[in-house]
Amino acid sequence: MIRIDKLTKKYKSVHALRGVDLHVEEGELFAYLGPNGSGKTTTIRILTGLAYPTTGDAWLHGFHVISETLEAKRQCGLVPQTLNLDHELTVVENLNIHGKLFHMKRRERAARIDELLDYVEINDRRNSPVKQLSGGLKRRVMVARALMHSPRILFLDEPTVGLDPTIRRRIWSLVKKIQQKGCTVFLTTHYIEEAEFLADRVAFLNEGTIVALDTPRDLMARLGSWALDKIVDGDMETAYFKDREEANRHIETQKGSFSLRRVNLEDVFISVTGKKVQP
């Protein structure tokens, strides 16, 4: 469904992508994670036709993103990081314009708008100007807009940034519902628990290179099942153990305060990138 082959992107002296290879299956919810500046948004911009690669190739549902740009664009919808709705227009007007851009007929647009507003649960605000909506509602409008032309692939670039935990979880439920309809979802996020909860597979990108790729469970299993955090000389140190019994044996030798917990995907992030997550 999404295929990337030896993709590179260079901005003057900066290598944003360094030979990325990736294949995302149809219907998969794929999380693409990495520190700031690792190349996540650059990858999405290339895949959605907003930027050209320096070298390499990419395909969306069999269409080459450079030589078959228009067909490739029809395969995908994009929810970018920034809120780019027309705030003076109503919810319906924003969706209607998007449908016109994809040459949808009037009746088709009207039916699709009704369907999507029910789907993302904002039909009661259909005639509200976007500027009157909360951040969470605006995000849902952006998701509806991206789905307006029935794309096979949905790109979500930091879809819950700046939202409170309750609203984020409502967006999570919406994303899972979209995947269950058969849409392939490509997600970037700084909220690692979001990827751990949602994704079928996760790739970690660091300095333009994929450094780890697997299911969340298998990535975490590489470190162990339990983690022990301890402050040593002002720095946090973490030790990993394959099971609770091994962790307990280690605890018996420890002095001072420490914390024992389950391994999570953020541990993997730090392990493979050497950096902490920065929302």
Protein backbone atom coordinates (compact mmCIF):
# COMPACT_ATOMS: atom_id res chain seq x y z
CA MET A 1 0.00 0.00 0.00
CA ILE A 2 2.85 2.38 0.89
CA ARG A 3 6.25 1.53 -0.51
CA ILE A 4 9.41 3.58 0.00
CA ASP A 5 12.67 2.62 -1.69
CA LYS A 6 16.02 4.21 -0.78
CA LEU A 7 14.44 7.61 -0.18
CA THR A 8 16.77 10.54 0.50
CA LYS A 9 16.20 14.24 1.01
CA LYS A 10 18.90 16.86 1.39
CA TYR A 11 18.37 20.53 2.25
CA LYS A 12 21.67 22.25 1.44
CA SER A 13 24.02 20.70 4.02
CA VAL A 14 21.27 18.94 6.00
CA HIS A 15 20.43 15.29 5.26
CA ALA A 16 16.77 14.98 6.31
CA LEU A 17 16.42 11.42 4.98
CA ARG A 18 19.25 8.96 4.40
CA GLY A 19 18.08 6.02 2.29
CA VAL A 20 14.76 5.10 3.93
CA ASP A 21 13.22 1.76 2.92
CA LEU A 22 9.71 0.94 4.13
CA HIS A 23 6.62 -1.07 3.23
CA VAL A 24 3.28 -0.50 4.94
CA GLU A 25 0.57 -3.10 4.37
CA GLU A 26 -2.99 -2.33 3.30
CA GLY A 27 -5.23 -1.71 6.32
CA GLU A 28 -2.28 -1.35 8.69
CA LEU A 29 -2.04 1.35 11.35
CA PHE A 30 1.62 2.28 11.17
CA ALA A 31 3.38 4.65 13.59
CA TYR A 32 6.44 6.56 12.42
CA LEU A 33 8.31 7.91 15.44
CA GLY A 34 11.48 9.85 16.09
CA PRO A 35 12.98 12.94 17.75
CA ASN A 36 12.39 16.45 16.43
CA GLY A 37 14.20 16.87 13.13
CA SER A 38 14.51 13.15 12.46
CA GLY A 39 12.71 13.35 9.09
CA LYS A 40 9.15 12.29 9.93
CA THR A 41 7.33 15.27 8.43
CA THR A 42 9.72 15.33 5.47
CA THR A 43 8.71 11.75 4.68
CA ILE A 44 5.01 12.63 4.80
CA ARG A 45 5.54 15.72 2.65
CA ILE A 46 7.21 13.59 -0.02
CA LEU A 47 4.54 10.87 0.13
CA THR A 48 1.72 13.42 -0.19
CA GLY A 49 3.31 15.32 -3.07
CA LEU A 50 4.26 18.43 -1.10
CA ALA A 51 8.02 17.92 -1.53
CA TYR A 52 10.34 16.11 -3.92
CA PRO A 53 12.92 13.57 -2.80
CA THR A 54 16.57 14.11 -3.65
CA THR A 55 16.85 10.45 -4.70
CA GLY A 56 14.78 7.32 -4.29
CA ASP A 57 11.21 6.29 -5.04
CA ALA A 58 7.86 5.97 -3.32
CA TRP A 59 4.46 4.57 -4.27
CA LEU A 60 0.96 4.92 -2.84
CA HIS A 61 -1.30 2.01 -3.78
CA GLY A 62 0.91 1.36 -6.80
CA PHE A 63 1.11 4.96 -8.04
CA HIS A 64 4.52 6.64 -8.10
CA VAL A 65 4.45 9.86 -6.07
CA ILE A 66 6.56 11.74 -8.64
CA SER A 67 5.69 10.37 -12.08
CA GLU A 68 2.01 9.75 -11.19
CA THR A 69 1.52 12.59 -8.74
CA LEU A 70 -2.20 13.26 -9.27
CA GLU A 71 -3.20 9.61 -9.04
CA ALA A 72 -1.01 9.15 -5.97
CA LYS A 73 -2.59 12.19 -4.31
CA ARG A 74 -6.08 10.77 -4.90
CA GLN A 75 -5.10 7.73 -2.85
CA CYS A 76 -4.39 9.69 0.31
CA GLY A 77 -5.78 12.18 2.79
CA LEU A 78 -3.62 14.34 5.06
CA VAL A 79 -4.18 15.77 8.53
CA PRO A 80 -1.16 18.06 9.05
CA GLN A 81 0.33 19.30 12.32
CA THR A 82 -0.97 22.83 11.90
CA LEU A 83 -4.65 23.77 11.92
CA ASN A 84 -5.17 24.83 8.30
CA LEU A 85 -8.95 25.08 8.09
CA ASP A 86 -10.60 28.27 6.84
CA HIS A 87 -11.70 29.70 10.18
CA GLU A 88 -14.21 32.15 8.68
CA LEU A 89 -16.14 29.38 6.93
CA THR A 90 -18.48 26.86 8.51
CA VAL A 91 -17.67 23.20 9.01
CA VAL A 92 -19.81 22.22 6.00
CA GLU A 93 -18.25 24.90 3.80
CA ASN A 94 -14.73 23.66 4.59
CA LEU A 95 -15.66 20.10 3.64
CA ASN A 96 -17.55 21.22 0.55
CA ILE A 97 -14.54 23.09 -0.83
CA HIS A 98 -12.36 20.01 -0.36
CA GLY A 99 -14.89 17.89 -2.24
CA LYS A 100 -14.92 20.36 -5.12
CA LEU A 101 -11.13 20.19 -5.37
CA PHE A 102 -11.49 16.45 -5.97
CA HIS A 103 -14.23 17.03 -8.58
CA MET A 104 -16.97 15.41 -6.51
CA LYS A 105 -20.49 16.11 -7.76
CA ARG A 106 -22.84 18.20 -5.61
CA ARG A 107 -25.08 15.33 -4.47
CA GLU A 108 -22.06 13.17 -3.79
CA ARG A 109 -20.50 15.95 -1.70
CA ALA A 110 -23.69 16.51 0.29
CA ALA A 111 -24.11 12.81 1.06
CA ARG A 112 -20.46 12.40 2.00
CA ILE A 113 -20.55 15.45 4.30
CA ASP A 114 -23.60 14.08 6.12
CA GLU A 115 -21.91 10.70 6.49
CA LEU A 116 -18.62 12.13 7.78
CA LEU A 117 -20.12 14.59 10.24
CA ASP A 118 -22.01 11.71 11.84
CA TYR A 119 -18.86 9.60 11.69
CA VAL A 120 -16.69 12.10 13.58
CA GLU A 121 -19.62 13.11 15.82
CA ILE A 122 -19.85 16.82 15.04
CA ASN A 123 -23.09 16.96 13.02
CA ASP A 124 -24.56 19.32 15.59
CA ARG A 125 -21.86 21.88 14.72
CA ARG A 126 -22.12 21.55 10.95
CA ASN A 127 -23.16 25.19 10.43
CA SER A 128 -20.81 26.68 13.02
CA PRO A 129 -17.91 28.82 11.84
CA VAL A 130 -14.68 26.93 12.48
CA LYS A 131 -13.35 29.82 14.59
CA GLN A 132 -16.01 29.01 17.20
CA LEU A 133 -14.85 25.40 17.67
CA SER A 134 -12.52 24.01 20.33
CA GLY A 135 -9.15 22.55 19.38
CA GLY A 136 -10.46 19.00 19.62
CA LEU A 137 -13.45 19.72 17.38
CA LYS A 138 -11.21 21.42 14.82
CA ARG A 139 -9.05 18.28 14.71
CA ARG A 140 -12.14 16.20 14.03
CA VAL A 141 -13.13 18.54 11.20
CA MET A 142 -9.64 18.11 9.73
CA VAL A 143 -9.99 14.33 9.89
CA ALA A 144 -13.39 14.55 8.17
CA ARG A 145 -11.95 16.81 5.48
CA ALA A 146 -9.06 14.40 4.85
CA LEU A 147 -11.58 11.55 4.42
CA MET A 148 -13.90 13.54 2.16
CA HIS A 149 -12.71 11.95 -1.11
CA SER A 150 -12.63 8.41 0.38
CA PRO A 151 -8.83 7.93 0.35
CA ARG A 152 -7.26 4.51 0.78
CA ILE A 153 -4.49 5.97 2.97
CA LEU A 154 -4.75 8.54 5.77
CA PHE A 155 -1.64 10.44 6.89
CA LEU A 156 -1.86 11.85 10.42
CA ASP A 157 1.03 14.16 11.31
CA GLU A 158 0.85 14.82 15.07
CA PRO A 159 -2.98 14.71 15.08
CA THR A 160 -3.39 15.22 18.85
CA VAL A 161 -0.68 17.79 19.53
CA GLY A 162 -1.78 20.38 22.08
CA LEU A 163 -4.96 18.53 23.08
CA ASP A 164 -5.79 17.52 26.63
CA PRO A 165 -5.70 13.78 27.50
CA THR A 166 -9.48 13.30 27.35
CA ILE A 167 -9.77 14.80 23.86
CA ARG A 168 -6.69 12.89 22.70
CA ARG A 169 -8.35 9.62 23.65
CA ARG A 170 -11.46 10.55 21.66
CA ILE A 171 -9.23 11.12 18.65
CA TRP A 172 -7.60 7.72 19.30
CA SER A 173 -11.03 6.07 19.16
CA LEU A 174 -11.76 7.85 15.89
CA VAL A 175 -8.45 6.74 14.37
CA LYS A 176 -9.11 3.09 15.29
CA LYS A 177 -12.59 3.36 13.79
CA ILE A 178 -11.08 4.66 10.54
CA GLN A 179 -8.66 1.74 10.39
CA GLN A 180 -11.46 -0.75 11.05
CA LYS A 181 -13.17 0.60 7.91
CA GLY A 182 -10.17 -0.68 5.92
CA CYS A 183 -8.19 2.55 5.58
CA THR A 184 -4.40 2.39 5.91
CA VAL A 185 -3.26 4.87 8.58
CA PHE A 186 0.25 6.38 8.73
CA LEU A 187 0.75 8.18 12.03
CA THR A 188 3.47 10.41 13.45
CA THR A 189 3.26 11.45 17.09
CA HIS A 190 5.32 12.64 20.05
CA TYR A 191 2.92 10.90 22.42
CA ILE A 192 4.61 7.51 22.59
CA GLU A 193 1.72 5.92 24.51
CA GLU A 194 -0.45 6.85 21.51
CA ALA A 195 1.65 4.67 19.21
CA GLU A 196 1.87 1.91 21.82
CA PHE A 197 -1.92 1.79 22.08
CA LEU A 198 -2.86 2.28 18.42
CA ALA A 199 -0.18 0.92 16.12
CA ASP A 200 0.16 -2.50 14.51
CA ARG A 201 3.81 -1.72 13.81
CA VAL A 202 6.21 1.06 14.72
CA ALA A 203 9.29 2.44 12.98
CA PHE A 204 11.79 4.62 14.83
CA LEU A 205 13.53 7.22 12.69
CA ASN A 206 16.72 8.90 13.89
CA GLU A 207 18.75 11.42 11.88
CA GLY A 208 17.00 10.36 8.67
CA THR A 209 17.49 6.60 9.13
CA ILE A 210 15.11 3.89 10.35
CA VAL A 211 16.86 2.37 13.36
CA ALA A 212 14.15 -0.06 14.55
CA LEU A 213 10.92 -1.49 13.10
CA ASP A 214 8.56 -4.06 14.61
CA THR A 215 5.33 -4.45 16.56
CA PRO A 216 5.19 -2.46 19.81
CA ARG A 217 5.13 -5.68 21.82
CA ASP A 218 8.20 -7.15 20.10
CA LEU A 219 10.13 -3.88 20.30
CA MET A 220 9.51 -3.71 24.04
CA ALA A 221 10.36 -7.39 24.48
CA ARG A 222 13.85 -6.73 23.13
CA LEU A 223 14.54 -4.70 26.28
CA GLY A 224 12.70 -6.94 28.72
CA SER A 225 9.44 -6.92 30.66
CA TRP A 226 10.39 -4.85 33.72
CA ALA A 227 12.33 -1.63 34.18
CA LEU A 228 13.95 -0.24 37.32
CA ASP A 229 14.53 3.52 37.44
CA LYS A 230 17.07 4.98 39.86
CA ILE A 231 18.67 8.41 40.28
CA VAL A 232 22.47 8.13 40.28
CA ASP A 233 24.53 11.32 40.71
CA GLY A 234 21.58 13.40 39.55
CA ASP A 235 20.88 11.36 36.42
CA MET A 236 18.16 8.81 35.78
CA GLU A 237 19.50 5.32 35.11
CA THR A 238 17.25 2.48 33.99
CA ALA A 239 17.95 -1.25 34.13
CA TYR A 240 15.82 -3.79 32.25
CA PHE A 241 14.89 -7.34 33.25
CA LYS A 242 13.29 -10.20 31.36
CA ASP A 243 10.89 -11.07 34.21
CA ARG A 244 9.79 -10.00 37.69
CA GLU A 245 11.92 -12.68 39.38
CA GLU A 246 15.10 -11.31 37.81
CA ALA A 247 14.06 -7.78 38.78
CA ASN A 248 13.42 -8.84 42.38
CA ARG A 249 16.88 -10.38 42.67
CA HIS A 250 18.38 -7.10 41.48
CA ILE A 251 16.25 -5.09 43.91
CA GLU A 252 17.69 -7.03 46.86
CA THR A 253 21.11 -5.54 46.07
CA GLN A 254 19.89 -1.94 45.75
CA LYS A 255 20.17 0.91 48.23
CA GLY A 256 18.32 4.21 48.18
CA SER A 257 15.08 4.97 46.33
CA PHE A 258 14.08 3.41 43.03
CA SER A 259 10.96 2.65 41.00
CA LEU A 260 9.99 -0.65 39.38
CA ARG A 261 7.58 -0.58 36.45
CA ARG A 262 6.63 -2.29 33.20
CA VAL A 263 8.73 -1.60 30.11
CA ASN A 264 6.99 0.77 27.69
CA LEU A 265 7.57 2.03 24.16
CA GLU A 266 9.23 5.21 25.43
CA ASP A 267 12.03 3.00 26.79
CA VAL A 268 12.54 1.71 23.26
CA PHE A 269 12.53 5.27 21.90
CA ILE A 270 15.30 6.32 24.29
CA SER A 271 17.23 3.10 23.69
CA VAL A 272 17.34 3.38 19.88
CA THR A 273 17.62 7.17 19.51
CA GLY A 274 19.55 8.14 22.63
CA LYS A 275 17.07 10.99 23.15
CA LYS A 276 14.11 11.64 25.41
CA VAL A 277 10.69 12.39 24.00
CA GLN A 278 10.00 16.12 23.63
CA PRO A 279 6.31 16.90 23.04
